[in-house]
Amino acid sequence: MKKKRPSLQDVADRVGVTKMTVSRFLRNPEQVSEALRVKIARELDSLNYIPNRAPDILSNATSHAIGVLLPSLT
């Protein structure tokens, strides 16, 4: 059976903060107090948390593709 990856909510519950605070720590650590940074970092390590970057990639990505429509050549 596959082991479930820890989520932001799992980390937040263990630290006693909101999911948004953990997200803010991951994106802009300077916006979180030093005491919380230490607690969150410790829990991220203990849970072996690996961020899922797919949503970031999808929301920020541009394909640089150009579509071309051609009339029938026959």
PDB file of N, CA and C in Angstrom:
ATOM      1  N   MET A   1       0.841  -1.183   0.000  1.00  0.00           N
ATOM      2  CA  MET A   1       0.000   0.000   0.000  1.00  0.00           C
ATOM      3  C   MET A   1       0.888   1.249   0.000  1.00  0.00           C
ATOM      4  N   LYS A   2       0.518   2.227  -0.842  1.00  0.00           N
ATOM      5  CA  LYS A   2       1.292   3.454  -0.953  1.00  0.00           C
ATOM      6  C   LYS A   2       1.092   4.329   0.280  1.00  0.00           C
ATOM      7  N   LYS A   3       2.182   4.922   0.726  1.00  0.00           N
ATOM      8  CA  LYS A   3       2.116   5.827   1.863  1.00  0.00           C
ATOM      9  C   LYS A   3       1.693   7.212   1.372  1.00  0.00           C
ATOM     10  N   LYS A   4       0.771   7.845   2.080  1.00  0.00           N
ATOM     11  CA  LYS A   4       0.267   9.163   1.700  1.00  0.00           C
ATOM     12  C   LYS A   4       1.334  10.231   1.951  1.00  0.00           C
ATOM     13  N   ARG A   5       1.516  11.085   0.949  1.00  0.00           N
ATOM     14  CA  ARG A   5       2.449  12.198   1.116  1.00  0.00           C
ATOM     15  C   ARG A   5       1.871  13.199   2.104  1.00  0.00           C
ATOM     16  N   PRO A   6       2.705  13.758   2.979  1.00  0.00           N
ATOM     17  CA  PRO A   6       2.188  14.765   3.909  1.00  0.00           C
ATOM     18  C   PRO A   6       1.771  16.024   3.152  1.00  0.00           C
ATOM     19  N   SER A   7       0.714  16.641   3.621  1.00  0.00           N
ATOM     20  CA  SER A   7       0.192  17.849   2.977  1.00  0.00           C
ATOM     21  C   SER A   7       0.536  19.079   3.815  1.00  0.00           C
ATOM     22  N   LEU A   8       0.274  20.247   3.253  1.00  0.00           N
ATOM     23  CA  LEU A   8       0.450  21.485   4.016  1.00  0.00           C
ATOM     24  C   LEU A   8      -0.414  21.462   5.265  1.00  0.00           C
ATOM     25  N   GLN A   9      -1.612  20.899   5.138  1.00  0.00           N
ATOM     26  CA  GLN A   9      -2.518  20.833   6.283  1.00  0.00           C
ATOM     27  C   GLN A   9      -1.943  19.950   7.385  1.00  0.00           C
ATOM     28  N   ASP A  10      -1.298  18.857   7.020  1.00  0.00           N
ATOM     29  CA  ASP A  10      -0.666  17.984   8.017  1.00  0.00           C
ATOM     30  C   ASP A  10       0.401  18.749   8.799  1.00  0.00           C
ATOM     31  N   VAL A  11       1.218  19.501   8.087  1.00  0.00           N
ATOM     32  CA  VAL A  11       2.269  20.295   8.731  1.00  0.00           C
ATOM     33  C   VAL A  11       1.636  21.359   9.619  1.00  0.00           C
ATOM     34  N   ALA A  12       0.640  22.059   9.088  1.00  0.00           N
ATOM     35  CA  ALA A  12      -0.022  23.126   9.840  1.00  0.00           C
ATOM     36  C   ALA A  12      -0.651  22.594  11.123  1.00  0.00           C
ATOM     37  N   ASP A  13      -1.309  21.447  11.041  1.00  0.00           N
ATOM     38  CA  ASP A  13      -1.942  20.862  12.225  1.00  0.00           C
ATOM     39  C   ASP A  13      -0.913  20.533  13.298  1.00  0.00           C
ATOM     40  N   ARG A  14       0.222  20.020  12.890  1.00  0.00           N
ATOM     41  CA  ARG A  14       1.249  19.639  13.863  1.00  0.00           C
ATOM     42  C   ARG A  14       1.923  20.847  14.500  1.00  0.00           C
ATOM     43  N   VAL A  15       2.021  21.950  13.756  1.00  0.00           N
ATOM     44  CA  VAL A  15       2.659  23.156  14.291  1.00  0.00           C
ATOM     45  C   VAL A  15       1.650  24.013  15.054  1.00  0.00           C
ATOM     46  N   GLY A  16       0.369  23.900  14.685  1.00  0.00           N
ATOM     47  CA  GLY A  16      -0.658  24.708  15.332  1.00  0.00           C
ATOM     48  C   GLY A  16      -0.874  26.045  14.653  1.00  0.00           C
ATOM     49  N   VAL A  17      -0.672  26.068  13.340  1.00  0.00           N
ATOM     50  CA  VAL A  17      -0.891  27.283  12.552  1.00  0.00           C
ATOM     51  C   VAL A  17      -1.826  26.936  11.401  1.00  0.00           C
ATOM     52  N   THR A  18      -2.141  27.933  10.592  1.00  0.00           N
ATOM     53  CA  THR A  18      -2.999  27.678   9.438  1.00  0.00           C
ATOM     54  C   THR A  18      -2.169  27.163   8.265  1.00  0.00           C
ATOM     55  N   LYS A  19      -2.874  26.555   7.326  1.00  0.00           N
ATOM     56  CA  LYS A  19      -2.229  26.071   6.104  1.00  0.00           C
ATOM     57  C   LYS A  19      -1.599  27.245   5.346  1.00  0.00           C
ATOM     58  N   MET A  20      -2.240  28.401   5.393  1.00  0.00           N
ATOM     59  CA  MET A  20      -1.731  29.591   4.711  1.00  0.00           C
ATOM     60  C   MET A  20      -0.387  30.028   5.292  1.00  0.00           C
ATOM     61  N   THR A  21      -0.210  29.893   6.601  1.00  0.00           N
ATOM     62  CA  THR A  21       1.059  30.265   7.229  1.00  0.00           C
ATOM     63  C   THR A  21       2.187  29.368   6.741  1.00  0.00           C
ATOM     64  N   VAL A  22       1.918  28.076   6.607  1.00  0.00           N
ATOM     65  CA  VAL A  22       2.932  27.148   6.096  1.00  0.00           C
ATOM     66  C   VAL A  22       3.245  27.491   4.643  1.00  0.00           C
ATOM     67  N   SER A  23       2.221  27.783   3.862  1.00  0.00           N
ATOM     68  CA  SER A  23       2.420  28.163   2.467  1.00  0.00           C
ATOM     69  C   SER A  23       3.251  29.444   2.375  1.00  0.00           C
ATOM     70  N   ARG A  24       2.937  30.407   3.226  1.00  0.00           N
ATOM     71  CA  ARG A  24       3.686  31.671   3.245  1.00  0.00           C
ATOM     72  C   ARG A  24       5.154  31.408   3.598  1.00  0.00           C
ATOM     73  N   PHE A  25       5.382  30.505   4.546  1.00  0.00           N
ATOM     74  CA  PHE A  25       6.753  30.146   4.914  1.00  0.00           C
ATOM     75  C   PHE A  25       7.510  29.577   3.715  1.00  0.00           C
ATOM     76  N   LEU A  26       6.847  28.721   2.936  1.00  0.00           N
ATOM     77  CA  LEU A  26       7.504  28.104   1.787  1.00  0.00           C
ATOM     78  C   LEU A  26       7.794  29.111   0.679  1.00  0.00           C
ATOM     79  N   ARG A  27       6.921  30.109   0.520  1.00  0.00           N
ATOM     80  CA  ARG A  27       7.081  31.086  -0.562  1.00  0.00           C
ATOM     81  C   ARG A  27       7.912  32.300  -0.152  1.00  0.00           C
ATOM     82  N   ASN A  28       7.653  32.815   1.043  1.00  0.00           N
ATOM     83  CA  ASN A  28       8.331  34.028   1.528  1.00  0.00           C
ATOM     84  C   ASN A  28       8.644  33.868   3.010  1.00  0.00           C
ATOM     85  N   PRO A  29       9.692  33.144   3.360  1.00  0.00           N
ATOM     86  CA  PRO A  29       9.972  32.865   4.772  1.00  0.00           C
ATOM     87  C   PRO A  29      10.141  34.121   5.629  1.00  0.00           C
ATOM     88  N   GLU A  30      10.598  35.211   5.027  1.00  0.00           N
ATOM     89  CA  GLU A  30      10.809  36.429   5.809  1.00  0.00           C
ATOM     90  C   GLU A  30       9.502  37.027   6.328  1.00  0.00           C
ATOM     91  N   GLN A  31       8.367  36.600   5.800  1.00  0.00           N
ATOM     92  CA  GLN A  31       7.071  37.101   6.262  1.00  0.00           C
ATOM     93  C   GLN A  31       6.541  36.329   7.471  1.00  0.00           C
ATOM     94  N   VAL A  32       7.298  35.333   7.925  1.00  0.00           N
ATOM     95  CA  VAL A  32       6.895  34.520   9.072  1.00  0.00           C
ATOM     96  C   VAL A  32       7.904  34.767  10.187  1.00  0.00           C
ATOM     97  N   SER A  33       7.421  34.835  11.430  1.00  0.00           N
ATOM     98  CA  SER A  33       8.320  35.101  12.553  1.00  0.00           C
ATOM     99  C   SER A  33       9.388  34.018  12.669  1.00  0.00           C
ATOM    100  N   GLU A  34      10.510  34.391  13.246  1.00  0.00           N
ATOM    101  CA  GLU A  34      11.638  33.465  13.399  1.00  0.00           C
ATOM    102  C   GLU A  34      11.230  32.221  14.191  1.00  0.00           C
ATOM    103  N   ALA A  35      10.452  32.401  15.240  1.00  0.00           N
ATOM    104  CA  ALA A  35      10.027  31.254  16.057  1.00  0.00           C
ATOM    105  C   ALA A  35       9.191  30.277  15.235  1.00  0.00           C
ATOM    106  N   LEU A  36       8.270  30.804  14.430  1.00  0.00           N
ATOM    107  CA  LEU A  36       7.445  29.934  13.590  1.00  0.00           C
ATOM    108  C   LEU A  36       8.263  29.297  12.476  1.00  0.00           C
ATOM    109  N   ARG A  37       9.225  30.036  11.943  1.00  0.00           N
ATOM    110  CA  ARG A  37      10.082  29.465  10.898  1.00  0.00           C
ATOM    111  C   ARG A  37      10.789  28.219  11.405  1.00  0.00           C
ATOM    112  N   VAL A  38      11.294  28.287  12.624  1.00  0.00           N
ATOM    113  CA  VAL A  38      12.004  27.142  13.207  1.00  0.00           C
ATOM    114  C   VAL A  38      11.049  25.970  13.383  1.00  0.00           C
ATOM    115  N   LYS A  39       9.853  26.233  13.932  1.00  0.00           N
ATOM    116  CA  LYS A  39       8.877  25.155  14.159  1.00  0.00           C
ATOM    117  C   LYS A  39       8.428  24.515  12.844  1.00  0.00           C
ATOM    118  N   ILE A  40       8.113  25.353  11.871  1.00  0.00           N
ATOM    119  CA  ILE A  40       7.631  24.835  10.583  1.00  0.00           C
ATOM    120  C   ILE A  40       8.734  24.041   9.888  1.00  0.00           C
ATOM    121  N   ALA A  41       9.939  24.573   9.876  1.00  0.00           N
ATOM    122  CA  ALA A  41      11.055  23.869   9.228  1.00  0.00           C
ATOM    123  C   ALA A  41      11.293  22.517   9.891  1.00  0.00           C
ATOM    124  N   ARG A  42      11.199  22.470  11.210  1.00  0.00           N
ATOM    125  CA  ARG A  42      11.400  21.216  11.939  1.00  0.00           C
ATOM    126  C   ARG A  42      10.341  20.185  11.539  1.00  0.00           C
ATOM    127  N   GLU A  43       9.083  20.613  11.447  1.00  0.00           N
ATOM    128  CA  GLU A  43       8.005  19.687  11.067  1.00  0.00           C
ATOM    129  C   GLU A  43       8.121  19.252   9.612  1.00  0.00           C
ATOM    130  N   LEU A  44       8.498  20.165   8.734  1.00  0.00           N
ATOM    131  CA  LEU A  44       8.691  19.797   7.330  1.00  0.00           C
ATOM    132  C   LEU A  44       9.745  18.699   7.218  1.00  0.00           C
ATOM    133  N   ASP A  45      10.823  18.850   7.980  1.00  0.00           N
ATOM    134  CA  ASP A  45      11.880  17.834   7.968  1.00  0.00           C
ATOM    135  C   ASP A  45      11.402  16.523   8.569  1.00  0.00           C
ATOM    136  N   SER A  46      10.702  16.595   9.696  1.00  0.00           N
ATOM    137  CA  SER A  46      10.284  15.358  10.370  1.00  0.00           C
ATOM    138  C   SER A  46       9.266  14.576   9.541  1.00  0.00           C
ATOM    139  N   LEU A  47       8.464  15.280   8.743  1.00  0.00           N
ATOM    140  CA  LEU A  47       7.469  14.606   7.896  1.00  0.00           C
ATOM    141  C   LEU A  47       8.026  14.266   6.514  1.00  0.00           C
ATOM    142  N   ASN A  48       9.272  14.664   6.257  1.00  0.00           N
ATOM    143  CA  ASN A  48       9.869  14.479   4.925  1.00  0.00           C
ATOM    144  C   ASN A  48       8.982  15.100   3.847  1.00  0.00           C
ATOM    145  N   TYR A  49       8.516  16.310   4.123  1.00  0.00           N
ATOM    146  CA  TYR A  49       7.624  17.012   3.208  1.00  0.00           C
ATOM    147  C   TYR A  49       8.367  17.414   1.942  1.00  0.00           C
ATOM    148  N   ILE A  50       7.784  17.096   0.800  1.00  0.00           N
ATOM    149  CA  ILE A  50       8.317  17.505  -0.499  1.00  0.00           C
ATOM    150  C   ILE A  50       7.223  18.309  -1.194  1.00  0.00           C
ATOM    151  N   PRO A  51       7.479  19.592  -1.479  1.00  0.00           N
ATOM    152  CA  PRO A  51       6.444  20.411  -2.113  1.00  0.00           C
ATOM    153  C   PRO A  51       6.046  19.870  -3.482  1.00  0.00           C
ATOM    154  N   ASN A  52       4.771  19.974  -3.786  1.00  0.00           N
ATOM    155  CA  ASN A  52       4.257  19.601  -5.101  1.00  0.00           C
ATOM    156  C   ASN A  52       4.300  20.859  -5.958  1.00  0.00           C
ATOM    157  N   ARG A  53       5.246  20.933  -6.864  1.00  0.00           N
ATOM    158  CA  ARG A  53       5.435  22.136  -7.683  1.00  0.00           C
ATOM    159  C   ARG A  53       4.546  22.168  -8.920  1.00  0.00           C
ATOM    160  N   ALA A  54       3.809  21.122  -9.189  1.00  0.00           N
ATOM    161  CA  ALA A  54       2.969  21.086 -10.393  1.00  0.00           C
ATOM    162  C   ALA A  54       1.997  22.268 -10.464  1.00  0.00           C
ATOM    163  N   PRO A  55       1.283  22.611  -9.381  1.00  0.00           N
ATOM    164  CA  PRO A  55       0.369  23.761  -9.486  1.00  0.00           C
ATOM    165  C   PRO A  55       1.095  25.060  -9.819  1.00  0.00           C
ATOM    166  N   ASP A  56       2.281  25.263  -9.255  1.00  0.00           N
ATOM    167  CA  ASP A  56       3.050  26.473  -9.565  1.00  0.00           C
ATOM    168  C   ASP A  56       3.460  26.499 -11.025  1.00  0.00           C
ATOM    169  N   ILE A  57       3.930  25.368 -11.500  1.00  0.00           N
ATOM    170  CA  ILE A  57       4.380  25.281 -12.886  1.00  0.00           C
ATOM    171  C   ILE A  57       3.219  25.543 -13.838  1.00  0.00           C
ATOM    172  N   LEU A  58       2.071  24.942 -13.545  1.00  0.00           N
ATOM    173  CA  LEU A  58       0.914  25.112 -14.422  1.00  0.00           C
ATOM    174  C   LEU A  58       0.390  26.540 -14.412  1.00  0.00           C
ATOM    175  N   SER A  59       0.400  27.192 -13.256  1.00  0.00           N
ATOM    176  CA  SER A  59      -0.154  28.542 -13.188  1.00  0.00           C
ATOM    177  C   SER A  59       0.796  29.589 -13.764  1.00  0.00           C
ATOM    178  N   ASN A  60       2.088  29.311 -13.776  1.00  0.00           N
ATOM    179  CA  ASN A  60       3.062  30.295 -14.253  1.00  0.00           C
ATOM    180  C   ASN A  60       3.627  29.978 -15.628  1.00  0.00           C
ATOM    181  N   ALA A  61       3.309  28.823 -16.154  1.00  0.00           N
ATOM    182  CA  ALA A  61       3.945  28.378 -17.395  1.00  0.00           C
ATOM    183  C   ALA A  61       3.299  29.010 -18.619  1.00  0.00           C
ATOM    184  N   THR A  62       4.137  29.268 -19.582  1.00  0.00           N
ATOM    185  CA  THR A  62       3.657  29.662 -20.897  1.00  0.00           C
ATOM    186  C   THR A  62       4.242  28.664 -21.880  1.00  0.00           C
ATOM    187  N   SER A  63       3.463  28.281 -22.840  1.00  0.00           N
ATOM    188  CA  SER A  63       3.907  27.216 -23.738  1.00  0.00           C
ATOM    189  C   SER A  63       4.773  27.731 -24.884  1.00  0.00           C
ATOM    190  N   HIS A  64       4.649  28.998 -25.234  1.00  0.00           N
ATOM    191  CA  HIS A  64       5.379  29.575 -26.362  1.00  0.00           C
ATOM    192  C   HIS A  64       5.055  28.834 -27.664  1.00  0.00           C
ATOM    193  N   ALA A  65       3.896  28.230 -27.730  1.00  0.00           N
ATOM    194  CA  ALA A  65       3.475  27.510 -28.937  1.00  0.00           C
ATOM    195  C   ALA A  65       2.625  28.438 -29.798  1.00  0.00           C
ATOM    196  N   ILE A  66       2.740  28.277 -31.089  1.00  0.00           N
ATOM    197  CA  ILE A  66       1.948  29.054 -32.037  1.00  0.00           C
ATOM    198  C   ILE A  66       1.092  28.073 -32.825  1.00  0.00           C
ATOM    199  N   GLY A  67      -0.183  28.321 -32.853  1.00  0.00           N
ATOM    200  CA  GLY A  67      -1.084  27.463 -33.619  1.00  0.00           C
ATOM    201  C   GLY A  67      -1.239  27.997 -35.035  1.00  0.00           C
ATOM    202  N   VAL A  68      -1.318  27.096 -35.981  1.00  0.00           N
ATOM    203  CA  VAL A  68      -1.485  27.479 -37.383  1.00  0.00           C
ATOM    204  C   VAL A  68      -2.668  26.711 -37.947  1.00  0.00           C
ATOM    205  N   LEU A  69      -3.611  27.433 -38.539  1.00  0.00           N
ATOM    206  CA  LEU A  69      -4.764  26.814 -39.184  1.00  0.00           C
ATOM    207  C   LEU A  69      -4.604  26.967 -40.691  1.00  0.00           C
ATOM    208  N   LEU A  70      -4.662  25.859 -41.386  1.00  0.00           N
ATOM    209  CA  LEU A  70      -4.512  25.878 -42.841  1.00  0.00           C
ATOM    210  C   LEU A  70      -5.781  25.349 -43.494  1.00  0.00           C
ATOM    211  N   PRO A  71      -6.170  25.941 -44.625  1.00  0.00           N
ATOM    212  CA  PRO A  71      -7.310  25.378 -45.346  1.00  0.00           C
ATOM    213  C   PRO A  71      -6.900  24.031 -45.938  1.00  0.00           C
ATOM    214  N   SER A  72      -7.856  23.276 -46.310  1.00  0.00           N
ATOM    215  CA  SER A  72      -7.571  21.971 -46.910  1.00  0.00           C
ATOM    216  C   SER A  72      -6.692  22.150 -48.141  1.00  0.00           C
ATOM    217  N   LEU A  73      -5.654  21.372 -48.247  1.00  0.00           N
ATOM    218  CA  LEU A  73      -4.718  21.484 -49.362  1.00  0.00           C
ATOM    219  C   LEU A  73      -5.061  20.531 -50.498  1.00  0.00           C
ATOM    220  N   THR A  74      -6.153  19.805 -50.406  1.00  0.00           N
ATOM    221  CA  THR A  74      -6.522  18.856 -51.465  1.00  0.00           C
ATOM    222  C   THR A  74      -7.518  19.440 -52.425  1.00  0.00           C
TER     223      THR A  74
END
